[in-house]
Amino acid sequence: MKFYILTLFPEMIEAGLGHSIIKRARDEGIINIETIDIRDFSHSKHRHVDDYPYGGGAGMVMQAQPVYDAFMSIKPKLSESCPVVYMTPQGKTFTQSKAEELSCFEDMVILCGHYEGVDERVIEEIVTCEISLGDFVLTGGELPAMAVVDAVARLIPGVLNKEESFMDESFSDGLLEYPQYTRPAEFMGRRVPDILLSGHHGNVDKWRREQSLERTLRKRPELLEKARLDENDKKYIDKLRNDNLTKK
């Protein structure tokens, strides 16, 4: 998969996505990440890409022309179905299901905004999808863009060592992940649950599922409304709720 990132700070993107699993995937050619410096397309001799907003107000706005020209420089490389994502607090909140959806494309473009935002006209012209990491504001779109690339890239076959590495992760089926343990078997008086040392895979799988259900009910109960649950899951959740009512 190919990622094209339109940004004012390509060095920030390269630094953030130049390590660990993503670096290995890039080195092996499983994914490709290309940064496009929007400043390179400025018509200003000082490479300015912003100006005062019409109507007044604080801050500056990224101009449409450099952003549009930067996008057009890569347009011939893009597939017909390539999504163009704009990172903005006004977008829909990014989720695991959205990451799965985006991972099915062969390429994608991400536009990183700055200052007070981007001239609305270029957004209307090139953007197909607006994404937010949550209800908060950052200084620019680079950090959210890196988060999206990381989440999408790790779903691409070959990026992780084993496909099952992300099968049981948080949100893969709408639930939070079960607790994880490693050696030693005891740490500061706390022992690994005996069932994980039993070697009985069926019991371990059952315990992990129940732990996911319990953790989700306790920490993020709203997720259960859309989670993929079977009848046994629903019965266990009812039991947990009844137990809590009894304790109260």
C-alpha atoms as a PDB file:
ATOM      1  CA  MET A   1       0.000   0.000   0.000  1.00  0.00           C
ATOM      2  CA  LYS A   2       1.179   3.518  -0.781  1.00  0.00           C
ATOM      3  CA  PHE A   3       0.671   6.467   1.550  1.00  0.00           C
ATOM      4  CA  TYR A   4       1.084  10.021   0.272  1.00  0.00           C
ATOM      5  CA  ILE A   5       1.229  12.679   2.998  1.00  0.00           C
ATOM      6  CA  LEU A   6       0.829  16.363   2.126  1.00  0.00           C
ATOM      7  CA  THR A   7       2.552  18.268   4.914  1.00  0.00           C
ATOM      8  CA  LEU A   8       4.497  21.380   5.902  1.00  0.00           C
ATOM      9  CA  PHE A   9       6.842  19.219   8.006  1.00  0.00           C
ATOM     10  CA  PRO A  10       7.968  16.130   6.063  1.00  0.00           C
ATOM     11  CA  GLU A  11      10.880  15.633   8.444  1.00  0.00           C
ATOM     12  CA  MET A  12       8.387  15.169  11.289  1.00  0.00           C
ATOM     13  CA  ILE A  13       6.601  12.412   9.368  1.00  0.00           C
ATOM     14  CA  GLU A  14       9.849  10.683   8.435  1.00  0.00           C
ATOM     15  CA  ALA A  15      11.057  10.782  12.029  1.00  0.00           C
ATOM     16  CA  GLY A  16       7.807   9.369  13.391  1.00  0.00           C
ATOM     17  CA  LEU A  17       7.381   6.626  10.799  1.00  0.00           C
ATOM     18  CA  GLY A  18      11.030   5.668  10.458  1.00  0.00           C
ATOM     19  CA  HIS A  19      11.221   3.156  13.309  1.00  0.00           C
ATOM     20  CA  SER A  20      10.057  -0.249  14.506  1.00  0.00           C
ATOM     21  CA  ILE A  21       7.441  -2.243  12.574  1.00  0.00           C
ATOM     22  CA  ILE A  22       6.612   0.541  10.117  1.00  0.00           C
ATOM     23  CA  LYS A  23      10.290   1.001   9.216  1.00  0.00           C
ATOM     24  CA  ARG A  24      10.693  -2.715   8.601  1.00  0.00           C
ATOM     25  CA  ALA A  25       7.594  -2.785   6.400  1.00  0.00           C
ATOM     26  CA  ARG A  26       8.959   0.160   4.414  1.00  0.00           C
ATOM     27  CA  ASP A  27      12.387  -1.448   4.066  1.00  0.00           C
ATOM     28  CA  GLU A  28      10.780  -4.654   2.804  1.00  0.00           C
ATOM     29  CA  GLY A  29       8.620  -2.790   0.315  1.00  0.00           C
ATOM     30  CA  ILE A  30       5.332  -3.905   1.866  1.00  0.00           C
ATOM     31  CA  ILE A  31       4.255  -0.302   2.274  1.00  0.00           C
ATOM     32  CA  ASN A  32       5.513   2.927   0.756  1.00  0.00           C
ATOM     33  CA  ILE A  33       5.283   6.319   2.444  1.00  0.00           C
ATOM     34  CA  GLU A  34       5.949   9.445   0.406  1.00  0.00           C
ATOM     35  CA  THR A  35       5.905  12.901   1.980  1.00  0.00           C
ATOM     36  CA  ILE A  36       5.117  15.905  -0.195  1.00  0.00           C
ATOM     37  CA  ASP A  37       6.300  19.260   1.149  1.00  0.00           C
ATOM     38  CA  ILE A  38       3.504  21.753   0.486  1.00  0.00           C
ATOM     39  CA  ARG A  39       6.004  24.625   0.766  1.00  0.00           C
ATOM     40  CA  ASP A  40       7.704  23.392  -2.413  1.00  0.00           C
ATOM     41  CA  PHE A  41       4.599  24.511  -4.312  1.00  0.00           C
ATOM     42  CA  SER A  42       4.402  28.030  -2.913  1.00  0.00           C
ATOM     43  CA  HIS A  43       4.552  30.910  -5.417  1.00  0.00           C
ATOM     44  CA  SER A  44       6.214  33.055  -2.763  1.00  0.00           C
ATOM     45  CA  LYS A  45       9.975  33.488  -2.859  1.00  0.00           C
ATOM     46  CA  HIS A  46       9.937  32.980   0.906  1.00  0.00           C
ATOM     47  CA  ARG A  47       7.876  29.772   0.520  1.00  0.00           C
ATOM     48  CA  HIS A  48       4.895  31.205   2.388  1.00  0.00           C
ATOM     49  CA  VAL A  49       1.816  29.004   2.306  1.00  0.00           C
ATOM     50  CA  ASP A  50      -0.512  30.953   4.603  1.00  0.00           C
ATOM     51  CA  ASP A  51      -2.361  34.263   4.677  1.00  0.00           C
ATOM     52  CA  TYR A  52      -4.804  36.246   6.802  1.00  0.00           C
ATOM     53  CA  PRO A  53      -8.386  34.964   6.841  1.00  0.00           C
ATOM     54  CA  TYR A  54     -11.062  36.843   4.936  1.00  0.00           C
ATOM     55  CA  GLY A  55     -13.496  38.411   7.382  1.00  0.00           C
ATOM     56  CA  GLY A  56     -10.811  38.901   9.997  1.00  0.00           C
ATOM     57  CA  GLY A  57     -10.011  36.841  13.040  1.00  0.00           C
ATOM     58  CA  ALA A  58      -6.984  35.447  14.822  1.00  0.00           C
ATOM     59  CA  GLY A  59      -4.373  33.279  13.166  1.00  0.00           C
ATOM     60  CA  MET A  60      -3.551  32.398   9.586  1.00  0.00           C
ATOM     61  CA  VAL A  61      -5.083  30.065   7.006  1.00  0.00           C
ATOM     62  CA  MET A  62      -3.276  27.697   4.633  1.00  0.00           C
ATOM     63  CA  GLN A  63      -3.739  28.871   1.065  1.00  0.00           C
ATOM     64  CA  ALA A  64      -5.563  26.742  -1.473  1.00  0.00           C
ATOM     65  CA  GLN A  65      -3.033  27.035  -4.317  1.00  0.00           C
ATOM     66  CA  PRO A  66       0.034  25.362  -2.705  1.00  0.00           C
ATOM     67  CA  VAL A  67      -2.111  22.544  -1.305  1.00  0.00           C
ATOM     68  CA  TYR A  68      -3.845  21.971  -4.646  1.00  0.00           C
ATOM     69  CA  ASP A  69      -0.590  22.034  -6.615  1.00  0.00           C
ATOM     70  CA  ALA A  70       1.023  19.629  -4.164  1.00  0.00           C
ATOM     71  CA  PHE A  71      -1.887  17.254  -4.627  1.00  0.00           C
ATOM     72  CA  MET A  72      -1.814  17.556  -8.419  1.00  0.00           C
ATOM     73  CA  SER A  73       1.906  16.669  -8.416  1.00  0.00           C
ATOM     74  CA  ILE A  74       1.009  13.153  -7.245  1.00  0.00           C
ATOM     75  CA  LYS A  75      -2.394  12.846  -8.926  1.00  0.00           C
ATOM     76  CA  PRO A  76      -1.043  10.843 -11.919  1.00  0.00           C
ATOM     77  CA  LYS A  77       0.294   8.197  -9.494  1.00  0.00           C
ATOM     78  CA  LEU A  78      -3.004   7.655  -7.694  1.00  0.00           C
ATOM     79  CA  SER A  79      -5.533   4.912  -8.290  1.00  0.00           C
ATOM     80  CA  GLU A  80      -9.035   5.937  -9.334  1.00  0.00           C
ATOM     81  CA  SER A  81     -10.493   4.951  -5.968  1.00  0.00           C
ATOM     82  CA  CYS A  82      -7.733   6.542  -3.847  1.00  0.00           C
ATOM     83  CA  PRO A  83      -9.233   8.266  -0.766  1.00  0.00           C
ATOM     84  CA  VAL A  84      -7.981  11.747   0.084  1.00  0.00           C
ATOM     85  CA  VAL A  85      -8.160  12.186   3.853  1.00  0.00           C
ATOM     86  CA  TYR A  86      -8.030  15.523   5.646  1.00  0.00           C
ATOM     87  CA  MET A  87      -7.037  15.379   9.316  1.00  0.00           C
ATOM     88  CA  THR A  88      -9.337  17.802  11.143  1.00  0.00           C
ATOM     89  CA  PRO A  89     -11.216  18.016  14.477  1.00  0.00           C
ATOM     90  CA  GLN A  90     -14.352  18.430  12.345  1.00  0.00           C
ATOM     91  CA  GLY A  91     -13.987  14.938  10.861  1.00  0.00           C
ATOM     92  CA  LYS A  92     -15.563  11.694  12.003  1.00  0.00           C
ATOM     93  CA  THR A  93     -13.719  10.050  14.866  1.00  0.00           C
ATOM     94  CA  PHE A  94     -11.173   7.495  13.693  1.00  0.00           C
ATOM     95  CA  THR A  95     -11.989   3.905  14.657  1.00  0.00           C
ATOM     96  CA  GLN A  96     -10.592   0.434  14.091  1.00  0.00           C
ATOM     97  CA  SER A  97     -13.348  -0.263  11.572  1.00  0.00           C
ATOM     98  CA  LYS A  98     -12.287   2.838   9.619  1.00  0.00           C
ATOM     99  CA  ALA A  99      -8.691   1.602   9.667  1.00  0.00           C
ATOM    100  CA  GLU A 100      -9.879  -1.736   8.277  1.00  0.00           C
ATOM    101  CA  GLU A 101     -11.844   0.047   5.559  1.00  0.00           C
ATOM    102  CA  LEU A 102      -8.857   2.161   4.508  1.00  0.00           C
ATOM    103  CA  SER A 103      -6.504  -0.829   4.513  1.00  0.00           C
ATOM    104  CA  CYS A 104      -8.453  -2.282   1.581  1.00  0.00           C
ATOM    105  CA  PHE A 105      -7.296   0.503  -0.764  1.00  0.00           C
ATOM    106  CA  GLU A 106      -4.065   0.268  -2.689  1.00  0.00           C
ATOM    107  CA  ASP A 107      -3.166   3.862  -1.854  1.00  0.00           C
ATOM    108  CA  MET A 108      -4.341   6.884   0.114  1.00  0.00           C
ATOM    109  CA  VAL A 109      -3.519  10.570   0.465  1.00  0.00           C
ATOM    110  CA  ILE A 110      -3.477  12.374   3.813  1.00  0.00           C
ATOM    111  CA  LEU A 111      -3.595  16.167   4.041  1.00  0.00           C
ATOM    112  CA  CYS A 112      -2.141  17.694   7.212  1.00  0.00           C
ATOM    113  CA  GLY A 113      -3.552  21.080   8.116  1.00  0.00           C
ATOM    114  CA  HIS A 114      -1.925  23.809  10.201  1.00  0.00           C
ATOM    115  CA  TYR A 115      -2.631  27.247  11.654  1.00  0.00           C
ATOM    116  CA  GLU A 116      -6.387  27.954  11.701  1.00  0.00           C
ATOM    117  CA  GLY A 117      -6.989  25.372   8.992  1.00  0.00           C
ATOM    118  CA  VAL A 118      -7.009  25.099   5.205  1.00  0.00           C
ATOM    119  CA  ASP A 119      -8.867  27.252   2.677  1.00  0.00           C
ATOM    120  CA  GLU A 120     -12.271  25.587   2.363  1.00  0.00           C
ATOM    121  CA  ARG A 121     -12.180  25.672  -1.441  1.00  0.00           C
ATOM    122  CA  VAL A 122      -9.314  23.215  -1.767  1.00  0.00           C
ATOM    123  CA  ILE A 123     -10.956  20.914   0.786  1.00  0.00           C
ATOM    124  CA  GLU A 124     -14.083  20.896  -1.367  1.00  0.00           C
ATOM    125  CA  GLU A 125     -11.976  20.282  -4.470  1.00  0.00           C
ATOM    126  CA  ILE A 126      -9.791  17.347  -3.440  1.00  0.00           C
ATOM    127  CA  VAL A 127     -10.823  15.857  -0.064  1.00  0.00           C
ATOM    128  CA  THR A 128     -13.042  12.757   0.015  1.00  0.00           C
ATOM    129  CA  CYS A 129     -12.942  11.994   3.750  1.00  0.00           C
ATOM    130  CA  GLU A 130     -12.393  14.000   6.945  1.00  0.00           C
ATOM    131  CA  ILE A 131     -10.992  12.213   9.998  1.00  0.00           C
ATOM    132  CA  SER A 132     -10.467  13.287  13.615  1.00  0.00           C
ATOM    133  CA  LEU A 133      -8.589  11.517  16.398  1.00  0.00           C
ATOM    134  CA  GLY A 134     -10.971  12.943  18.957  1.00  0.00           C
ATOM    135  CA  ASP A 135     -12.507  16.071  20.401  1.00  0.00           C
ATOM    136  CA  PHE A 136      -9.321  18.023  20.990  1.00  0.00           C
ATOM    137  CA  VAL A 137      -7.095  20.332  18.959  1.00  0.00           C
ATOM    138  CA  LEU A 138      -3.438  19.823  18.028  1.00  0.00           C
ATOM    139  CA  THR A 139      -0.986  22.232  16.420  1.00  0.00           C
ATOM    140  CA  GLY A 140      -1.083  20.341  13.139  1.00  0.00           C
ATOM    141  CA  GLY A 141      -2.224  17.255  11.308  1.00  0.00           C
ATOM    142  CA  GLU A 142       1.084  15.399  11.325  1.00  0.00           C
ATOM    143  CA  LEU A 143       0.609  13.494  14.594  1.00  0.00           C
ATOM    144  CA  PRO A 144      -2.921  12.346  13.639  1.00  0.00           C
ATOM    145  CA  ALA A 145      -1.690  11.426  10.148  1.00  0.00           C
ATOM    146  CA  MET A 146       1.029   9.213  11.625  1.00  0.00           C
ATOM    147  CA  ALA A 147      -1.517   7.541  13.885  1.00  0.00           C
ATOM    148  CA  VAL A 148      -3.745   6.767  10.900  1.00  0.00           C
ATOM    149  CA  VAL A 149      -0.851   5.406   8.837  1.00  0.00           C
ATOM    150  CA  ASP A 150       0.284   3.198  11.720  1.00  0.00           C
ATOM    151  CA  ALA A 151      -3.217   1.840  12.373  1.00  0.00           C
ATOM    152  CA  VAL A 152      -3.896   1.155   8.698  1.00  0.00           C
ATOM    153  CA  ALA A 153      -0.450  -0.201   7.804  1.00  0.00           C
ATOM    154  CA  ARG A 154      -0.403  -2.869  10.508  1.00  0.00           C
ATOM    155  CA  LEU A 155      -3.540  -4.418   8.962  1.00  0.00           C
ATOM    156  CA  ILE A 156      -1.774  -4.998   5.653  1.00  0.00           C
ATOM    157  CA  PRO A 157      -0.619  -8.614   5.203  1.00  0.00           C
ATOM    158  CA  GLY A 158       3.075  -8.992   5.914  1.00  0.00           C
ATOM    159  CA  VAL A 159       3.491  -5.863   8.040  1.00  0.00           C
ATOM    160  CA  LEU A 160       3.150  -7.841  11.265  1.00  0.00           C
ATOM    161  CA  ASN A 161       5.054 -11.092  11.672  1.00  0.00           C
ATOM    162  CA  LYS A 162       1.905 -13.157  12.131  1.00  0.00           C
ATOM    163  CA  GLU A 163      -1.575 -12.297  10.900  1.00  0.00           C
ATOM    164  CA  GLU A 164      -3.018 -13.358  14.247  1.00  0.00           C
ATOM    165  CA  SER A 165      -0.982 -10.631  15.932  1.00  0.00           C
ATOM    166  CA  PHE A 166      -3.858  -8.209  15.412  1.00  0.00           C
ATOM    167  CA  MET A 167      -6.737 -10.698  15.460  1.00  0.00           C
ATOM    168  CA  ASP A 168      -7.343 -10.417  19.221  1.00  0.00           C
ATOM    169  CA  GLU A 169      -6.325  -6.818  19.771  1.00  0.00           C
ATOM    170  CA  SER A 170      -8.560  -4.186  21.300  1.00  0.00           C
ATOM    171  CA  PHE A 171     -11.454  -3.199  18.997  1.00  0.00           C
ATOM    172  CA  SER A 172     -10.796  -6.027  16.496  1.00  0.00           C
ATOM    173  CA  ASP A 173     -14.215  -7.427  17.384  1.00  0.00           C
ATOM    174  CA  GLY A 174     -15.540  -4.373  19.163  1.00  0.00           C
ATOM    175  CA  LEU A 175     -14.142  -5.340  22.581  1.00  0.00           C
ATOM    176  CA  LEU A 176     -11.147  -4.281  24.620  1.00  0.00           C
ATOM    177  CA  GLU A 177      -8.262  -6.734  24.714  1.00  0.00           C
ATOM    178  CA  TYR A 178      -7.818  -9.157  27.614  1.00  0.00           C
ATOM    179  CA  PRO A 179      -4.899  -8.577  30.063  1.00  0.00           C
ATOM    180  CA  GLN A 180      -1.469  -9.808  28.984  1.00  0.00           C
ATOM    181  CA  TYR A 181       1.354 -11.314  31.083  1.00  0.00           C
ATOM    182  CA  THR A 182       4.916 -12.506  30.535  1.00  0.00           C
ATOM    183  CA  ARG A 183       7.794 -13.839  32.662  1.00  0.00           C
ATOM    184  CA  PRO A 184       8.405 -13.978  35.555  1.00  0.00           C
ATOM    185  CA  ALA A 185       5.355 -15.817  36.884  1.00  0.00           C
ATOM    186  CA  GLU A 186       5.387 -13.622  39.991  1.00  0.00           C
ATOM    187  CA  PHE A 187       6.175  -9.903  40.261  1.00  0.00           C
ATOM    188  CA  MET A 188       5.958  -7.877  43.481  1.00  0.00           C
ATOM    189  CA  GLY A 189       3.670 -10.478  44.996  1.00  0.00           C
ATOM    190  CA  ARG A 190       1.332 -10.564  42.004  1.00  0.00           C
ATOM    191  CA  ARG A 191       1.059 -13.896  40.198  1.00  0.00           C
ATOM    192  CA  VAL A 192       0.085 -14.656  36.640  1.00  0.00           C
ATOM    193  CA  PRO A 193      -3.418 -16.233  36.636  1.00  0.00           C
ATOM    194  CA  ASP A 194      -3.031 -20.007  37.031  1.00  0.00           C
ATOM    195  CA  ILE A 195      -5.168 -20.720  33.998  1.00  0.00           C
ATOM    196  CA  LEU A 196      -2.544 -19.144  31.716  1.00  0.00           C
ATOM    197  CA  LEU A 197       0.009 -21.633  33.068  1.00  0.00           C
ATOM    198  CA  SER A 198      -2.270 -24.631  32.639  1.00  0.00           C
ATOM    199  CA  GLY A 199      -1.502 -25.352  28.993  1.00  0.00           C
ATOM    200  CA  HIS A 200      -5.219 -25.959  28.331  1.00  0.00           C
ATOM    201  CA  HIS A 201      -5.823 -23.829  25.243  1.00  0.00           C
ATOM    202  CA  GLY A 202      -9.594 -24.152  25.348  1.00  0.00           C
ATOM    203  CA  ASN A 203      -9.789 -22.874  28.909  1.00  0.00           C
ATOM    204  CA  VAL A 204      -7.299 -20.117  28.149  1.00  0.00           C
ATOM    205  CA  ASP A 205      -9.373 -18.939  25.174  1.00  0.00           C
ATOM    206  CA  LYS A 206     -12.533 -18.962  27.301  1.00  0.00           C
ATOM    207  CA  TRP A 207     -10.809 -17.012  30.089  1.00  0.00           C
ATOM    208  CA  ARG A 208      -9.467 -14.438  27.647  1.00  0.00           C
ATOM    209  CA  ARG A 209     -12.879 -13.913  26.076  1.00  0.00           C
ATOM    210  CA  GLU A 210     -14.478 -13.440  29.478  1.00  0.00           C
ATOM    211  CA  GLN A 211     -11.749 -11.018  30.506  1.00  0.00           C
ATOM    212  CA  SER A 212     -12.345  -8.979  27.333  1.00  0.00           C
ATOM    213  CA  LEU A 213     -16.055  -8.844  28.062  1.00  0.00           C
ATOM    214  CA  GLU A 214     -15.494  -7.901  31.703  1.00  0.00           C
ATOM    215  CA  ARG A 215     -12.905  -5.245  30.884  1.00  0.00           C
ATOM    216  CA  THR A 216     -15.107  -3.707  28.190  1.00  0.00           C
ATOM    217  CA  LEU A 217     -18.138  -3.647  30.488  1.00  0.00           C
ATOM    218  CA  ARG A 218     -16.077  -1.969  33.209  1.00  0.00           C
ATOM    219  CA  LYS A 219     -14.075   0.518  31.159  1.00  0.00           C
ATOM    220  CA  ARG A 220     -15.966   1.157  27.908  1.00  0.00           C
ATOM    221  CA  PRO A 221     -19.528  -0.206  28.280  1.00  0.00           C
ATOM    222  CA  GLU A 222     -20.760   1.780  25.280  1.00  0.00           C
ATOM    223  CA  LEU A 223     -18.686  -0.468  22.997  1.00  0.00           C
ATOM    224  CA  LEU A 224     -20.884  -3.458  23.805  1.00  0.00           C
ATOM    225  CA  GLU A 225     -23.745  -1.971  21.814  1.00  0.00           C
ATOM    226  CA  LYS A 226     -21.888  -2.578  18.536  1.00  0.00           C
ATOM    227  CA  ALA A 227     -19.586  -5.464  19.509  1.00  0.00           C
ATOM    228  CA  ARG A 228     -19.851  -8.852  17.821  1.00  0.00           C
ATOM    229  CA  LEU A 229     -21.345 -10.984  20.588  1.00  0.00           C
ATOM    230  CA  ASP A 230     -22.677 -14.543  20.569  1.00  0.00           C
ATOM    231  CA  GLU A 231     -25.215 -15.987  23.006  1.00  0.00           C
ATOM    232  CA  ASN A 232     -22.535 -17.121  25.459  1.00  0.00           C
ATOM    233  CA  ASP A 233     -21.076 -13.607  25.492  1.00  0.00           C
ATOM    234  CA  LYS A 234     -24.472 -12.081  26.228  1.00  0.00           C
ATOM    235  CA  LYS A 235     -25.126 -14.549  29.052  1.00  0.00           C
ATOM    236  CA  TYR A 236     -21.747 -13.780  30.616  1.00  0.00           C
ATOM    237  CA  ILE A 237     -22.389 -10.021  30.410  1.00  0.00           C
ATOM    238  CA  ASP A 238     -25.778 -10.494  32.062  1.00  0.00           C
ATOM    239  CA  LYS A 239     -24.053 -12.482  34.816  1.00  0.00           C
ATOM    240  CA  LEU A 240     -21.501  -9.709  35.348  1.00  0.00           C
ATOM    241  CA  ARG A 241     -24.217  -7.095  35.538  1.00  0.00           C
ATOM    242  CA  ASN A 242     -26.257  -9.170  37.992  1.00  0.00           C
ATOM    243  CA  ASP A 243     -23.168  -9.741  40.140  1.00  0.00           C
ATOM    244  CA  ASN A 244     -22.533  -5.985  40.238  1.00  0.00           C
ATOM    245  CA  LEU A 245     -26.128  -5.312  41.227  1.00  0.00           C
ATOM    246  CA  THR A 246     -25.832  -7.892  44.013  1.00  0.00           C
ATOM    247  CA  LYS A 247     -22.645  -6.259  45.319  1.00  0.00           C
ATOM    248  CA  LYS A 248     -24.296  -2.840  45.359  1.00  0.00           C
END
